[in-house]
Amino acid sequence: MIKILTVGVFDYFHYGHLRLFLQARGMSDDTYLIVAVQNDEFIKKYKPDTNIFYSVEIRKELISALRCVDEVIEYTDVQDIVRNVDFDIFAVGADQNHMGFQMAIQWCKENNKRVVRLQRTPGIASSKIKQYL
């Protein structure tokens, strides 16, 4: 079994998020997909002006209901979650490039964890949904 970890906020859950999970799930015939959902307080700490639509508990419940997801966990910092979860592949969205991700990816490389960049779904973005609302 191949354990795949992907992380994100997943607020304003949308089709692009689902496609991300399906891409990760499709990487192997024998996949166990772990989705880590970022904690509200941590988001607010680094982006105090951010409006969080769904609490972390609701976001975890939404994602847990998906057949393509095997496990949902909560996390604060991406550079820490990669050290604390047992996984084989770190599936990263194409737009996840900030320093925390760079450090997490470096840790993965140093610890024999494969890193795979997943493609965005064209025309779909949380920022567009926020603007629309």
N, C-alpha and C. Protein backbone atom coordinates (compact mmCIF):
# COMPACT_ATOMS: atom_id res chain seq x y z
N MET A 1 0.84 -1.18 0.00
CA MET A 1 0.00 0.00 0.00
C MET A 1 0.88 1.24 0.00
N ILE A 2 0.52 2.21 -0.84
CA ILE A 2 1.21 3.48 -0.93
C ILE A 2 0.40 4.52 -0.16
N LYS A 3 1.02 5.14 0.85
CA LYS A 3 0.34 6.18 1.62
C LYS A 3 0.71 7.54 1.03
N ILE A 4 -0.34 8.28 0.66
CA ILE A 4 -0.16 9.60 0.07
C ILE A 4 -0.73 10.65 1.01
N LEU A 5 0.05 11.69 1.25
CA LEU A 5 -0.36 12.81 2.10
C LEU A 5 -0.53 14.05 1.24
N THR A 6 -1.65 14.73 1.40
CA THR A 6 -1.83 16.05 0.81
C THR A 6 -2.41 16.96 1.88
N VAL A 7 -2.14 18.24 1.78
CA VAL A 7 -2.53 19.19 2.82
C VAL A 7 -3.16 20.43 2.21
N GLY A 8 -3.95 21.13 3.03
CA GLY A 8 -4.52 22.39 2.57
C GLY A 8 -5.54 22.93 3.55
N VAL A 9 -6.06 24.09 3.22
CA VAL A 9 -7.11 24.72 4.02
C VAL A 9 -8.46 24.11 3.66
N PHE A 10 -8.74 24.01 2.37
CA PHE A 10 -9.97 23.40 1.84
C PHE A 10 -11.24 24.09 2.32
N ASP A 11 -11.15 25.40 2.54
CA ASP A 11 -12.34 26.19 2.82
C ASP A 11 -12.97 26.51 1.46
N TYR A 12 -14.22 26.84 1.43
CA TYR A 12 -14.92 27.02 0.15
C TYR A 12 -14.68 25.78 -0.72
N PHE A 13 -14.95 24.61 -0.15
CA PHE A 13 -14.66 23.35 -0.86
C PHE A 13 -15.29 23.38 -2.25
N HIS A 14 -14.49 23.00 -3.26
CA HIS A 14 -14.94 23.10 -4.65
C HIS A 14 -14.39 21.95 -5.50
N TYR A 15 -14.80 21.98 -6.75
CA TYR A 15 -14.45 20.95 -7.72
C TYR A 15 -12.93 20.76 -7.84
N GLY A 16 -12.17 21.83 -7.78
CA GLY A 16 -10.71 21.73 -7.86
C GLY A 16 -10.13 20.90 -6.73
N HIS A 17 -10.70 21.05 -5.53
CA HIS A 17 -10.24 20.24 -4.40
C HIS A 17 -10.52 18.76 -4.65
N LEU A 18 -11.73 18.47 -5.12
CA LEU A 18 -12.07 17.09 -5.42
C LEU A 18 -11.13 16.51 -6.46
N ARG A 19 -10.85 17.27 -7.52
CA ARG A 19 -9.94 16.79 -8.57
C ARG A 19 -8.54 16.55 -8.01
N LEU A 20 -8.09 17.39 -7.07
CA LEU A 20 -6.80 17.20 -6.41
C LEU A 20 -6.77 15.85 -5.70
N PHE A 21 -7.82 15.55 -4.95
CA PHE A 21 -7.88 14.28 -4.22
C PHE A 21 -7.93 13.10 -5.19
N LEU A 22 -8.68 13.23 -6.26
CA LEU A 22 -8.77 12.14 -7.24
C LEU A 22 -7.43 11.92 -7.95
N GLN A 23 -6.71 13.01 -8.24
CA GLN A 23 -5.37 12.86 -8.83
C GLN A 23 -4.45 12.11 -7.88
N ALA A 24 -4.47 12.51 -6.62
CA ALA A 24 -3.61 11.85 -5.62
C ALA A 24 -4.00 10.39 -5.49
N ARG A 25 -5.28 10.13 -5.41
CA ARG A 25 -5.77 8.76 -5.26
C ARG A 25 -5.38 7.89 -6.44
N GLY A 26 -5.35 8.47 -7.62
CA GLY A 26 -5.06 7.73 -8.84
C GLY A 26 -3.58 7.47 -9.09
N MET A 27 -2.72 7.84 -8.18
CA MET A 27 -1.28 7.67 -8.39
C MET A 27 -0.85 6.22 -8.30
N SER A 28 -1.66 5.38 -7.70
CA SER A 28 -1.31 3.97 -7.51
C SER A 28 -2.60 3.16 -7.40
N ASP A 29 -2.52 1.90 -7.76
CA ASP A 29 -3.68 1.02 -7.62
C ASP A 29 -3.99 0.72 -6.16
N ASP A 30 -2.97 0.79 -5.33
CA ASP A 30 -3.12 0.45 -3.92
C ASP A 30 -2.76 1.67 -3.07
N THR A 31 -3.65 2.65 -3.08
CA THR A 31 -3.40 3.94 -2.44
C THR A 31 -4.22 4.12 -1.18
N TYR A 32 -3.59 4.72 -0.19
CA TYR A 32 -4.26 5.16 1.04
C TYR A 32 -4.05 6.67 1.09
N LEU A 33 -5.13 7.44 0.93
CA LEU A 33 -5.02 8.88 0.85
C LEU A 33 -5.32 9.54 2.19
N ILE A 34 -4.34 10.30 2.68
CA ILE A 34 -4.46 11.06 3.92
C ILE A 34 -4.55 12.53 3.55
N VAL A 35 -5.61 13.18 3.98
CA VAL A 35 -5.79 14.61 3.73
C VAL A 35 -5.66 15.34 5.06
N ALA A 36 -4.73 16.27 5.13
CA ALA A 36 -4.54 17.09 6.33
C ALA A 36 -5.17 18.46 6.09
N VAL A 37 -6.03 18.87 7.02
CA VAL A 37 -6.77 20.12 6.93
C VAL A 37 -6.19 21.09 7.95
N GLN A 38 -5.88 22.30 7.48
CA GLN A 38 -5.21 23.25 8.36
C GLN A 38 -6.14 23.85 9.42
N ASN A 39 -5.60 23.95 10.62
CA ASN A 39 -6.28 24.46 11.80
C ASN A 39 -6.63 25.95 11.64
N ASP A 40 -7.84 26.33 12.08
CA ASP A 40 -8.33 27.71 11.98
C ASP A 40 -7.40 28.71 12.66
N GLU A 41 -7.00 28.41 13.89
CA GLU A 41 -6.18 29.35 14.65
C GLU A 41 -4.84 29.60 13.98
N PHE A 42 -4.27 28.57 13.37
CA PHE A 42 -2.99 28.74 12.68
C PHE A 42 -3.17 29.62 11.45
N ILE A 43 -4.27 29.41 10.72
CA ILE A 43 -4.54 30.25 9.54
C ILE A 43 -4.63 31.71 9.96
N LYS A 44 -5.41 31.97 11.01
CA LYS A 44 -5.60 33.34 11.50
C LYS A 44 -4.31 33.97 12.01
N LYS A 45 -3.43 33.15 12.55
CA LYS A 45 -2.15 33.64 13.07
C LYS A 45 -1.32 34.27 11.95
N TYR A 46 -1.32 33.64 10.78
CA TYR A 46 -0.48 34.12 9.69
C TYR A 46 -1.23 34.96 8.66
N LYS A 47 -2.55 34.84 8.65
CA LYS A 47 -3.39 35.65 7.77
C LYS A 47 -4.56 36.20 8.58
N PRO A 48 -4.29 37.20 9.43
CA PRO A 48 -5.32 37.68 10.37
C PRO A 48 -6.56 38.27 9.68
N ASP A 49 -6.46 38.71 8.45
CA ASP A 49 -7.59 39.30 7.76
C ASP A 49 -8.42 38.27 6.99
N THR A 50 -8.00 37.02 7.03
CA THR A 50 -8.71 35.97 6.30
C THR A 50 -10.04 35.65 6.97
N ASN A 51 -11.06 35.54 6.15
CA ASN A 51 -12.36 35.09 6.64
C ASN A 51 -12.48 33.60 6.35
N ILE A 52 -12.61 32.82 7.41
CA ILE A 52 -12.76 31.38 7.26
C ILE A 52 -14.25 31.09 7.24
N PHE A 53 -14.70 30.46 6.16
CA PHE A 53 -16.13 30.18 5.99
C PHE A 53 -16.57 29.00 6.85
N TYR A 54 -15.83 27.88 6.76
CA TYR A 54 -16.15 26.68 7.53
C TYR A 54 -15.09 26.44 8.59
N SER A 55 -15.50 26.02 9.76
CA SER A 55 -14.54 25.66 10.81
C SER A 55 -13.74 24.43 10.36
N VAL A 56 -12.63 24.20 11.01
CA VAL A 56 -11.80 23.04 10.67
C VAL A 56 -12.60 21.75 10.87
N GLU A 57 -13.44 21.70 11.88
CA GLU A 57 -14.24 20.49 12.12
C GLU A 57 -15.20 20.22 10.96
N ILE A 58 -15.84 21.25 10.46
CA ILE A 58 -16.76 21.08 9.33
C ILE A 58 -15.98 20.70 8.07
N ARG A 59 -14.84 21.35 7.84
CA ARG A 59 -14.03 21.01 6.65
C ARG A 59 -13.56 19.56 6.72
N LYS A 60 -13.17 19.10 7.90
CA LYS A 60 -12.77 17.70 8.06
C LYS A 60 -13.94 16.76 7.79
N GLU A 61 -15.11 17.12 8.27
CA GLU A 61 -16.30 16.29 8.04
C GLU A 61 -16.64 16.20 6.56
N LEU A 62 -16.60 17.34 5.86
CA LEU A 62 -16.88 17.35 4.42
C LEU A 62 -15.93 16.42 3.67
N ILE A 63 -14.65 16.54 3.97
CA ILE A 63 -13.65 15.74 3.26
C ILE A 63 -13.74 14.28 3.65
N SER A 64 -14.05 14.00 4.90
CA SER A 64 -14.20 12.61 5.35
C SER A 64 -15.32 11.88 4.62
N ALA A 65 -16.30 12.62 4.14
CA ALA A 65 -17.45 12.01 3.46
C ALA A 65 -17.11 11.56 2.04
N LEU A 66 -15.96 11.94 1.53
CA LEU A 66 -15.58 11.57 0.16
C LEU A 66 -15.03 10.15 0.11
N ARG A 67 -15.50 9.36 -0.84
CA ARG A 67 -15.03 7.97 -0.99
C ARG A 67 -13.56 7.88 -1.34
N CYS A 68 -13.02 8.90 -1.99
CA CYS A 68 -11.62 8.83 -2.43
C CYS A 68 -10.63 9.12 -1.30
N VAL A 69 -11.12 9.56 -0.15
CA VAL A 69 -10.26 9.92 0.99
C VAL A 69 -10.38 8.84 2.06
N ASP A 70 -9.22 8.35 2.51
CA ASP A 70 -9.20 7.30 3.53
C ASP A 70 -9.10 7.83 4.95
N GLU A 71 -8.42 8.96 5.12
CA GLU A 71 -8.19 9.48 6.47
C GLU A 71 -8.08 11.00 6.39
N VAL A 72 -8.66 11.68 7.37
CA VAL A 72 -8.56 13.13 7.46
C VAL A 72 -8.00 13.48 8.82
N ILE A 73 -6.98 14.33 8.81
CA ILE A 73 -6.34 14.76 10.04
C ILE A 73 -6.25 16.28 10.04
N GLU A 74 -5.93 16.84 11.17
CA GLU A 74 -5.78 18.28 11.31
C GLU A 74 -4.30 18.60 11.48
N TYR A 75 -3.90 19.74 10.95
CA TYR A 75 -2.50 20.15 11.13
C TYR A 75 -2.41 21.65 11.31
N THR A 76 -1.25 22.08 11.78
CA THR A 76 -0.98 23.51 11.89
C THR A 76 -0.02 23.90 10.78
N ASP A 77 1.22 23.47 10.88
CA ASP A 77 2.27 23.90 9.97
C ASP A 77 2.69 22.76 9.06
N VAL A 78 2.76 23.02 7.77
CA VAL A 78 3.09 21.98 6.79
C VAL A 78 4.48 21.39 7.03
N GLN A 79 5.41 22.21 7.48
CA GLN A 79 6.76 21.69 7.70
C GLN A 79 6.81 20.73 8.88
N ASP A 80 5.80 20.80 9.76
CA ASP A 80 5.73 19.87 10.89
C ASP A 80 4.94 18.61 10.55
N ILE A 81 3.87 18.74 9.79
CA ILE A 81 3.01 17.59 9.51
C ILE A 81 3.76 16.51 8.75
N VAL A 82 4.68 16.88 7.87
CA VAL A 82 5.42 15.86 7.12
C VAL A 82 6.32 15.03 8.03
N ARG A 83 6.71 15.62 9.15
CA ARG A 83 7.56 14.90 10.10
C ARG A 83 6.75 13.98 11.03
N ASN A 84 5.44 14.24 11.14
CA ASN A 84 4.63 13.57 12.14
C ASN A 84 3.63 12.55 11.58
N VAL A 85 3.62 12.34 10.28
CA VAL A 85 2.69 11.41 9.65
C VAL A 85 3.48 10.38 8.86
N ASP A 86 3.03 9.15 8.90
CA ASP A 86 3.65 8.08 8.12
C ASP A 86 3.07 8.11 6.71
N PHE A 87 3.89 8.43 5.72
CA PHE A 87 3.45 8.48 4.33
C PHE A 87 4.63 8.16 3.41
N ASP A 88 4.30 7.86 2.15
CA ASP A 88 5.32 7.57 1.15
C ASP A 88 5.48 8.70 0.14
N ILE A 89 4.35 9.34 -0.21
CA ILE A 89 4.35 10.39 -1.22
C ILE A 89 3.66 11.62 -0.66
N PHE A 90 4.29 12.76 -0.86
CA PHE A 90 3.70 14.05 -0.48
C PHE A 90 3.16 14.67 -1.76
N ALA A 91 1.84 14.72 -1.89
CA ALA A 91 1.18 15.27 -3.08
C ALA A 91 0.89 16.74 -2.82
N VAL A 92 1.52 17.60 -3.61
CA VAL A 92 1.48 19.04 -3.39
C VAL A 92 0.77 19.71 -4.56
N GLY A 93 -0.14 20.62 -4.25
CA GLY A 93 -0.80 21.39 -5.29
C GLY A 93 0.19 22.30 -6.01
N ALA A 94 -0.11 22.60 -7.25
CA ALA A 94 0.79 23.41 -8.08
C ALA A 94 1.05 24.80 -7.49
N ASP A 95 0.09 25.32 -6.72
CA ASP A 95 0.23 26.68 -6.18
C ASP A 95 0.78 26.72 -4.76
N GLN A 96 1.14 25.59 -4.22
CA GLN A 96 1.64 25.53 -2.84
C GLN A 96 3.16 25.69 -2.85
N ASN A 97 3.60 26.95 -2.75
CA ASN A 97 5.02 27.27 -2.91
C ASN A 97 5.64 28.09 -1.79
N HIS A 98 4.87 28.46 -0.77
CA HIS A 98 5.45 29.35 0.25
C HIS A 98 6.57 28.64 1.02
N MET A 99 7.25 29.38 1.86
CA MET A 99 8.44 28.88 2.55
C MET A 99 8.17 27.59 3.34
N GLY A 100 7.02 27.49 3.99
CA GLY A 100 6.69 26.28 4.72
C GLY A 100 6.67 25.05 3.81
N PHE A 101 6.10 25.20 2.62
CA PHE A 101 6.09 24.09 1.67
C PHE A 101 7.50 23.79 1.17
N GLN A 102 8.28 24.82 0.94
CA GLN A 102 9.66 24.59 0.49
C GLN A 102 10.43 23.80 1.53
N MET A 103 10.24 24.13 2.80
CA MET A 103 10.92 23.41 3.88
C MET A 103 10.40 21.97 3.99
N ALA A 104 9.08 21.79 3.85
CA ALA A 104 8.50 20.45 3.91
C ALA A 104 9.00 19.59 2.76
N ILE A 105 9.08 20.15 1.58
CA ILE A 105 9.57 19.41 0.41
C ILE A 105 11.03 19.05 0.60
N GLN A 106 11.82 19.97 1.12
CA GLN A 106 13.24 19.67 1.37
C GLN A 106 13.36 18.52 2.37
N TRP A 107 12.56 18.55 3.44
CA TRP A 107 12.58 17.46 4.43
C TRP A 107 12.23 16.14 3.76
N CYS A 108 11.22 16.15 2.90
CA CYS A 108 10.82 14.92 2.20
C CYS A 108 11.98 14.37 1.37
N LYS A 109 12.65 15.24 0.65
CA LYS A 109 13.78 14.81 -0.19
C LYS A 109 14.90 14.21 0.67
N GLU A 110 15.15 14.79 1.81
CA GLU A 110 16.21 14.32 2.70
C GLU A 110 15.83 13.02 3.42
N ASN A 111 14.54 12.69 3.44
CA ASN A 111 14.07 11.52 4.17
C ASN A 111 13.39 10.49 3.27
N ASN A 112 13.79 10.47 2.01
CA ASN A 112 13.33 9.47 1.04
C ASN A 112 11.82 9.41 0.88
N LYS A 113 11.19 10.56 0.92
CA LYS A 113 9.76 10.68 0.63
C LYS A 113 9.63 11.29 -0.75
N ARG A 114 8.82 10.70 -1.58
CA ARG A 114 8.61 11.22 -2.93
C ARG A 114 7.69 12.44 -2.86
N VAL A 115 7.96 13.44 -3.67
CA VAL A 115 7.12 14.63 -3.77
C VAL A 115 6.57 14.70 -5.19
N VAL A 116 5.25 14.85 -5.29
CA VAL A 116 4.60 14.94 -6.60
C VAL A 116 3.77 16.21 -6.63
N ARG A 117 3.96 17.00 -7.68
CA ARG A 117 3.16 18.21 -7.89
C ARG A 117 1.92 17.83 -8.68
N LEU A 118 0.76 18.17 -8.13
CA LEU A 118 -0.50 17.87 -8.80
C LEU A 118 -0.98 19.11 -9.56
N GLN A 119 -1.64 18.86 -10.68
CA GLN A 119 -2.08 19.96 -11.54
C GLN A 119 -3.35 20.61 -11.01
N ARG A 120 -3.44 21.90 -11.24
CA ARG A 120 -4.65 22.64 -10.89
C ARG A 120 -5.75 22.32 -11.89
N THR A 121 -6.98 22.49 -11.46
CA THR A 121 -8.12 22.38 -12.35
C THR A 121 -8.31 23.75 -12.99
N PRO A 122 -8.21 23.85 -14.31
CA PRO A 122 -8.31 25.16 -14.97
C PRO A 122 -9.61 25.90 -14.63
N GLY A 123 -9.47 27.18 -14.34
CA GLY A 123 -10.62 28.04 -14.11
C GLY A 123 -11.25 27.93 -12.72
N ILE A 124 -10.68 27.10 -11.84
CA ILE A 124 -11.25 26.90 -10.51
C ILE A 124 -10.24 27.37 -9.47
N ALA A 125 -10.69 28.25 -8.56
CA ALA A 125 -9.81 28.70 -7.47
C ALA A 125 -10.66 29.24 -6.33
N SER A 126 -10.21 29.00 -5.13
CA SER A 126 -10.92 29.52 -3.95
C SER A 126 -11.00 31.03 -4.00
N SER A 127 -9.93 31.68 -4.47
CA SER A 127 -9.94 33.14 -4.52
C SER A 127 -11.03 33.66 -5.45
N LYS A 128 -11.31 32.95 -6.54
CA LYS A 128 -12.39 33.36 -7.45
C LYS A 128 -13.75 33.20 -6.78
N ILE A 129 -13.90 32.13 -6.02
CA ILE A 129 -15.17 31.91 -5.31
C ILE A 129 -15.38 33.01 -4.28
N LYS A 130 -14.32 33.37 -3.54
CA LYS A 130 -14.43 34.44 -2.55
C LYS A 130 -14.83 35.77 -3.20
N GLN A 131 -14.23 36.05 -4.36
CA GLN A 131 -14.58 37.30 -5.07
C GLN A 131 -16.03 37.28 -5.51
N TYR A 132 -16.49 36.15 -5.97
CA TYR A 132 -17.85 36.02 -6.45
C TYR A 132 -18.86 36.23 -5.31
N LEU A 133 -18.54 35.67 -4.16
CA LEU A 133 -19.44 35.80 -3.02
C LEU A 133 -19.40 37.20 -2.46
